[in-house]
């Protein structure tokens, strides 16, 4: 996926979260997209928030953080 497409998707999710408030599924997906573009810190923050909202969402998260 191209970075500009991912950036647009993240911006749309930002707007939706601002409008509707926290949503575990949106935060999880935004975190995934942030990982794709190399924003590990942002991805981790989103995933932590997603799990704090809905702990069961952790069952649908996979992958790893590499240095």
C-alpha atoms as a PDB file:
ATOM      1  CA  UNK A   1       0.000   0.000   0.000  1.00  0.00           C
ATOM      2  CA  UNK A   2       1.303   3.459  -0.807  1.00  0.00           C
ATOM      3  CA  UNK A   3       2.192   5.751   2.082  1.00  0.00           C
ATOM      4  CA  UNK A   4      -0.097   8.539   0.846  1.00  0.00           C
ATOM      5  CA  UNK A   5      -3.067   6.159   0.742  1.00  0.00           C
ATOM      6  CA  UNK A   6      -2.278   4.927   4.243  1.00  0.00           C
ATOM      7  CA  UNK A   7      -1.907   8.518   5.473  1.00  0.00           C
ATOM      8  CA  UNK A   8      -5.349   9.338   4.045  1.00  0.00           C
ATOM      9  CA  UNK A   9      -6.846   6.275   5.735  1.00  0.00           C
ATOM     10  CA  UNK A  10      -5.266   7.250   9.067  1.00  0.00           C
ATOM     11  CA  UNK A  11      -6.588  10.818   8.674  1.00  0.00           C
ATOM     12  CA  UNK A  12     -10.102   9.471   8.054  1.00  0.00           C
ATOM     13  CA  UNK A  13      -9.845   7.318  11.178  1.00  0.00           C
ATOM     14  CA  UNK A  14      -8.581  10.315  13.168  1.00  0.00           C
ATOM     15  CA  UNK A  15     -11.641  12.280  12.073  1.00  0.00           C
ATOM     16  CA  UNK A  16     -13.994   9.432  12.956  1.00  0.00           C
ATOM     17  CA  UNK A  17     -12.416   9.006  16.402  1.00  0.00           C
ATOM     18  CA  UNK A  18     -12.668  12.754  17.009  1.00  0.00           C
ATOM     19  CA  UNK A  19     -16.305  12.781  15.946  1.00  0.00           C
ATOM     20  CA  UNK A  20     -17.521   9.582  17.624  1.00  0.00           C
ATOM     21  CA  UNK A  21     -15.019   8.993  20.429  1.00  0.00           C
ATOM     22  CA  UNK A  22     -12.814   5.975  21.129  1.00  0.00           C
ATOM     23  CA  UNK A  23     -13.565   2.777  19.222  1.00  0.00           C
ATOM     24  CA  UNK A  24     -11.458  -0.333  19.776  1.00  0.00           C
ATOM     25  CA  UNK A  25     -11.793  -1.641  16.218  1.00  0.00           C
ATOM     26  CA  UNK A  26     -10.823   1.670  14.626  1.00  0.00           C
ATOM     27  CA  UNK A  27      -7.885   2.075  16.997  1.00  0.00           C
ATOM     28  CA  UNK A  28      -6.699  -1.462  16.219  1.00  0.00           C
ATOM     29  CA  UNK A  29      -6.859  -0.827  12.478  1.00  0.00           C
ATOM     30  CA  UNK A  30      -5.188   2.578  12.794  1.00  0.00           C
ATOM     31  CA  UNK A  31      -2.441   0.921  14.823  1.00  0.00           C
ATOM     32  CA  UNK A  32      -1.967  -1.685  12.098  1.00  0.00           C
ATOM     33  CA  UNK A  33      -1.664   1.024   9.465  1.00  0.00           C
ATOM     34  CA  UNK A  34       0.800   2.961  11.596  1.00  0.00           C
ATOM     35  CA  UNK A  35       2.968  -0.177  11.823  1.00  0.00           C
ATOM     36  CA  UNK A  36       2.952  -0.470   8.041  1.00  0.00           C
ATOM     37  CA  UNK A  37       4.375   3.044   7.690  1.00  0.00           C
ATOM     38  CA  UNK A  38       6.905   2.510  10.468  1.00  0.00           C
ATOM     39  CA  UNK A  39       5.250   4.466  13.288  1.00  0.00           C
ATOM     40  CA  UNK A  40       5.841   1.817  15.954  1.00  0.00           C
ATOM     41  CA  UNK A  41       5.279   4.183  18.883  1.00  0.00           C
ATOM     42  CA  UNK A  42       1.956   5.393  17.457  1.00  0.00           C
ATOM     43  CA  UNK A  43       0.930   1.837  16.643  1.00  0.00           C
ATOM     44  CA  UNK A  44       1.661   0.654  20.174  1.00  0.00           C
ATOM     45  CA  UNK A  45      -0.293   3.555  21.688  1.00  0.00           C
ATOM     46  CA  UNK A  46      -3.319   2.775  19.498  1.00  0.00           C
ATOM     47  CA  UNK A  47      -3.185  -0.939  20.274  1.00  0.00           C
ATOM     48  CA  UNK A  48      -2.877  -0.315  24.019  1.00  0.00           C
ATOM     49  CA  UNK A  49      -5.895   1.993  23.910  1.00  0.00           C
ATOM     50  CA  UNK A  50      -7.881  -0.515  21.837  1.00  0.00           C
ATOM     51  CA  UNK A  51      -7.185  -3.278  24.368  1.00  0.00           C
ATOM     52  CA  UNK A  52      -8.057  -0.983  27.290  1.00  0.00           C
ATOM     53  CA  UNK A  53     -11.471  -0.357  25.690  1.00  0.00           C
ATOM     54  CA  UNK A  54     -12.103  -3.978  24.705  1.00  0.00           C
ATOM     55  CA  UNK A  55      -9.690  -6.536  26.205  1.00  0.00           C
ATOM     56  CA  UNK A  56     -11.084  -9.301  23.983  1.00  0.00           C
ATOM     57  CA  UNK A  57      -9.694  -7.507  20.929  1.00  0.00           C
ATOM     58  CA  UNK A  58      -6.224  -8.771  21.835  1.00  0.00           C
ATOM     59  CA  UNK A  59      -7.265 -12.171  20.471  1.00  0.00           C
ATOM     60  CA  UNK A  60      -7.405 -10.610  16.985  1.00  0.00           C
ATOM     61  CA  UNK A  61      -4.003  -8.909  17.135  1.00  0.00           C
ATOM     62  CA  UNK A  62      -0.995 -10.707  15.780  1.00  0.00           C
ATOM     63  CA  UNK A  63       2.458  -9.867  14.569  1.00  0.00           C
ATOM     64  CA  UNK A  64       5.523  -8.570  16.312  1.00  0.00           C
ATOM     65  CA  UNK A  65       7.520  -5.439  16.867  1.00  0.00           C
ATOM     66  CA  UNK A  66      11.075  -5.737  15.553  1.00  0.00           C
ATOM     67  CA  UNK A  67      13.904  -3.357  16.282  1.00  0.00           C
END
